[in-house]
């Protein structure tokens, strides 16, 4: 009888460990940034394209981050937490939804060109 309880306890522990491992795996998977079709730009490329008028460079960090480090040179500030973020972005692009836009974010996760 003791052998049966030991075996059951072992299966419960293994199941719990498996569930915890699966939870960590799902968490890590969800932290992988999305792959955007537009690709990525290096900082100097984004700046050059913004200065040349080839791309709208938008700094989507928070006002607190702008105060701490300043707005990226050649970029327009637009807090991505605004409820009207998309309409404001379209307005910044002159109403052209197909205009190339490069984004600057705090962690480098949102940087891309679309």
C-alpha atoms as a PDB file:
ATOM      1  CA  UNK A   1       0.000   0.000   0.000  1.00  0.00           C
ATOM      2  CA  UNK A   2       2.838   2.364   0.794  1.00  0.00           C
ATOM      3  CA  UNK A   3       4.315   1.664  -2.642  1.00  0.00           C
ATOM      4  CA  UNK A   4       1.042   2.798  -4.296  1.00  0.00           C
ATOM      5  CA  UNK A   5       0.989   6.087  -2.353  1.00  0.00           C
ATOM      6  CA  UNK A   6       4.627   6.718  -3.231  1.00  0.00           C
ATOM      7  CA  UNK A   7       3.915   6.140  -6.899  1.00  0.00           C
ATOM      8  CA  UNK A   8       0.871   8.451  -6.798  1.00  0.00           C
ATOM      9  CA  UNK A   9       2.850  11.154  -5.021  1.00  0.00           C
ATOM     10  CA  UNK A  10       5.597  10.849  -7.639  1.00  0.00           C
ATOM     11  CA  UNK A  11       3.079  11.287 -10.477  1.00  0.00           C
ATOM     12  CA  UNK A  12       1.518  14.310  -8.761  1.00  0.00           C
ATOM     13  CA  UNK A  13       4.949  15.918  -8.306  1.00  0.00           C
ATOM     14  CA  UNK A  14       5.928  15.166 -11.898  1.00  0.00           C
ATOM     15  CA  UNK A  15       2.628  16.591 -13.155  1.00  0.00           C
ATOM     16  CA  UNK A  16       3.096  19.735 -11.052  1.00  0.00           C
ATOM     17  CA  UNK A  17       6.669  20.175 -12.280  1.00  0.00           C
ATOM     18  CA  UNK A  18       5.472  19.689 -15.864  1.00  0.00           C
ATOM     19  CA  UNK A  19       2.736  22.290 -15.408  1.00  0.00           C
ATOM     20  CA  UNK A  20       5.234  24.794 -13.992  1.00  0.00           C
ATOM     21  CA  UNK A  21       7.660  24.144 -16.862  1.00  0.00           C
ATOM     22  CA  UNK A  22       4.834  24.568 -19.379  1.00  0.00           C
ATOM     23  CA  UNK A  23       3.853  27.844 -17.712  1.00  0.00           C
ATOM     24  CA  UNK A  24       7.395  29.193 -18.043  1.00  0.00           C
ATOM     25  CA  UNK A  25       7.573  28.050 -21.667  1.00  0.00           C
ATOM     26  CA  UNK A  26       4.312  29.833 -22.512  1.00  0.00           C
ATOM     27  CA  UNK A  27       5.505  32.982 -20.722  1.00  0.00           C
ATOM     28  CA  UNK A  28       8.781  33.001 -22.676  1.00  0.00           C
ATOM     29  CA  UNK A  29       6.942  32.413 -25.957  1.00  0.00           C
ATOM     30  CA  UNK A  30       4.627  35.351 -25.299  1.00  0.00           C
ATOM     31  CA  UNK A  31       7.632  37.630 -24.620  1.00  0.00           C
ATOM     32  CA  UNK A  32       9.037  37.060 -28.116  1.00  0.00           C
ATOM     33  CA  UNK A  33       8.366  40.240 -30.105  1.00  0.00           C
ATOM     34  CA  UNK A  34       6.167  39.975 -33.152  1.00  0.00           C
ATOM     35  CA  UNK A  35       7.893  39.774 -36.523  1.00  0.00           C
ATOM     36  CA  UNK A  36       6.728  42.759 -38.550  1.00  0.00           C
ATOM     37  CA  UNK A  37       6.907  42.667 -42.319  1.00  0.00           C
ATOM     38  CA  UNK A  38       8.581  46.055 -42.532  1.00  0.00           C
ATOM     39  CA  UNK A  39      11.855  44.995 -40.944  1.00  0.00           C
ATOM     40  CA  UNK A  40      14.128  46.989 -38.682  1.00  0.00           C
ATOM     41  CA  UNK A  41      16.289  50.068 -39.099  1.00  0.00           C
ATOM     42  CA  UNK A  42      19.498  50.889 -37.332  1.00  0.00           C
ATOM     43  CA  UNK A  43      19.463  54.158 -35.398  1.00  0.00           C
ATOM     44  CA  UNK A  44      21.566  56.007 -37.981  1.00  0.00           C
ATOM     45  CA  UNK A  45      19.436  54.701 -40.853  1.00  0.00           C
ATOM     46  CA  UNK A  46      16.219  55.839 -39.160  1.00  0.00           C
ATOM     47  CA  UNK A  47      17.697  59.268 -38.449  1.00  0.00           C
ATOM     48  CA  UNK A  48      18.962  59.695 -42.026  1.00  0.00           C
ATOM     49  CA  UNK A  49      15.622  58.645 -43.508  1.00  0.00           C
ATOM     50  CA  UNK A  50      13.724  60.960 -41.139  1.00  0.00           C
ATOM     51  CA  UNK A  51      15.963  63.948 -41.970  1.00  0.00           C
ATOM     52  CA  UNK A  52      15.591  63.208 -45.697  1.00  0.00           C
ATOM     53  CA  UNK A  53      11.806  63.006 -45.304  1.00  0.00           C
ATOM     54  CA  UNK A  54      11.720  59.402 -46.485  1.00  0.00           C
ATOM     55  CA  UNK A  55      10.147  58.119 -43.295  1.00  0.00           C
ATOM     56  CA  UNK A  56       8.084  59.507 -40.421  1.00  0.00           C
ATOM     57  CA  UNK A  57      10.097  58.815 -37.277  1.00  0.00           C
ATOM     58  CA  UNK A  58       7.851  58.577 -34.208  1.00  0.00           C
ATOM     59  CA  UNK A  59       9.077  58.299 -30.618  1.00  0.00           C
ATOM     60  CA  UNK A  60       6.333  56.248 -28.934  1.00  0.00           C
ATOM     61  CA  UNK A  61       7.822  56.254 -25.440  1.00  0.00           C
ATOM     62  CA  UNK A  62       6.133  57.903 -22.467  1.00  0.00           C
ATOM     63  CA  UNK A  63       6.430  61.583 -21.490  1.00  0.00           C
ATOM     64  CA  UNK A  64       8.434  60.499 -18.432  1.00  0.00           C
ATOM     65  CA  UNK A  65      10.946  58.783 -20.724  1.00  0.00           C
ATOM     66  CA  UNK A  66      11.110  61.847 -22.987  1.00  0.00           C
ATOM     67  CA  UNK A  67      11.885  64.048 -19.971  1.00  0.00           C
ATOM     68  CA  UNK A  68      14.623  61.650 -18.852  1.00  0.00           C
ATOM     69  CA  UNK A  69      16.408  61.251 -22.205  1.00  0.00           C
ATOM     70  CA  UNK A  70      14.797  63.649 -24.656  1.00  0.00           C
ATOM     71  CA  UNK A  71      12.874  62.892 -27.828  1.00  0.00           C
ATOM     72  CA  UNK A  72      14.864  61.143 -30.525  1.00  0.00           C
ATOM     73  CA  UNK A  73      16.442  63.627 -32.934  1.00  0.00           C
ATOM     74  CA  UNK A  74      14.254  63.971 -36.011  1.00  0.00           C
ATOM     75  CA  UNK A  75      11.373  62.145 -34.300  1.00  0.00           C
ATOM     76  CA  UNK A  76       7.871  63.262 -33.419  1.00  0.00           C
ATOM     77  CA  UNK A  77       6.727  62.359 -29.882  1.00  0.00           C
ATOM     78  CA  UNK A  78       3.534  60.318 -29.590  1.00  0.00           C
ATOM     79  CA  UNK A  79       2.751  58.417 -26.385  1.00  0.00           C
ATOM     80  CA  UNK A  80       1.657  54.942 -27.474  1.00  0.00           C
ATOM     81  CA  UNK A  81      -0.664  54.673 -24.456  1.00  0.00           C
ATOM     82  CA  UNK A  82      -2.990  57.349 -25.836  1.00  0.00           C
ATOM     83  CA  UNK A  83      -6.473  56.076 -26.575  1.00  0.00           C
ATOM     84  CA  UNK A  84      -6.364  57.832 -29.941  1.00  0.00           C
ATOM     85  CA  UNK A  85      -2.882  56.548 -30.833  1.00  0.00           C
ATOM     86  CA  UNK A  86      -3.760  55.215 -34.308  1.00  0.00           C
ATOM     87  CA  UNK A  87      -5.774  58.273 -35.421  1.00  0.00           C
ATOM     88  CA  UNK A  88      -3.029  60.566 -34.075  1.00  0.00           C
ATOM     89  CA  UNK A  89      -0.385  58.563 -35.949  1.00  0.00           C
ATOM     90  CA  UNK A  90      -2.393  58.726 -39.176  1.00  0.00           C
ATOM     91  CA  UNK A  91      -2.769  62.482 -38.685  1.00  0.00           C
ATOM     92  CA  UNK A  92       1.018  62.822 -38.182  1.00  0.00           C
ATOM     93  CA  UNK A  93       1.476  60.974 -41.490  1.00  0.00           C
ATOM     94  CA  UNK A  94      -0.713  63.542 -43.222  1.00  0.00           C
ATOM     95  CA  UNK A  95      -3.606  61.107 -43.471  1.00  0.00           C
ATOM     96  CA  UNK A  96      -1.577  58.711 -45.619  1.00  0.00           C
ATOM     97  CA  UNK A  97      -1.986  55.253 -44.089  1.00  0.00           C
ATOM     98  CA  UNK A  98       0.601  53.834 -46.491  1.00  0.00           C
ATOM     99  CA  UNK A  99       3.321  56.322 -45.478  1.00  0.00           C
ATOM    100  CA  UNK A 100       6.486  54.673 -44.119  1.00  0.00           C
ATOM    101  CA  UNK A 101       6.716  55.034 -40.336  1.00  0.00           C
ATOM    102  CA  UNK A 102       9.621  54.094 -38.085  1.00  0.00           C
ATOM    103  CA  UNK A 103       8.957  53.743 -34.365  1.00  0.00           C
ATOM    104  CA  UNK A 104      11.297  54.366 -31.447  1.00  0.00           C
ATOM    105  CA  UNK A 105      10.484  52.607 -28.178  1.00  0.00           C
ATOM    106  CA  UNK A 106      12.235  52.214 -24.840  1.00  0.00           C
ATOM    107  CA  UNK A 107      13.282  48.562 -25.104  1.00  0.00           C
ATOM    108  CA  UNK A 108      13.812  48.114 -28.813  1.00  0.00           C
ATOM    109  CA  UNK A 109      10.888  45.725 -29.039  1.00  0.00           C
ATOM    110  CA  UNK A 110       8.637  48.020 -31.068  1.00  0.00           C
ATOM    111  CA  UNK A 111      11.242  49.422 -33.414  1.00  0.00           C
ATOM    112  CA  UNK A 112      10.328  48.752 -36.985  1.00  0.00           C
ATOM    113  CA  UNK A 113       9.264  50.293 -40.233  1.00  0.00           C
ATOM    114  CA  UNK A 114       5.921  49.688 -41.789  1.00  0.00           C
END
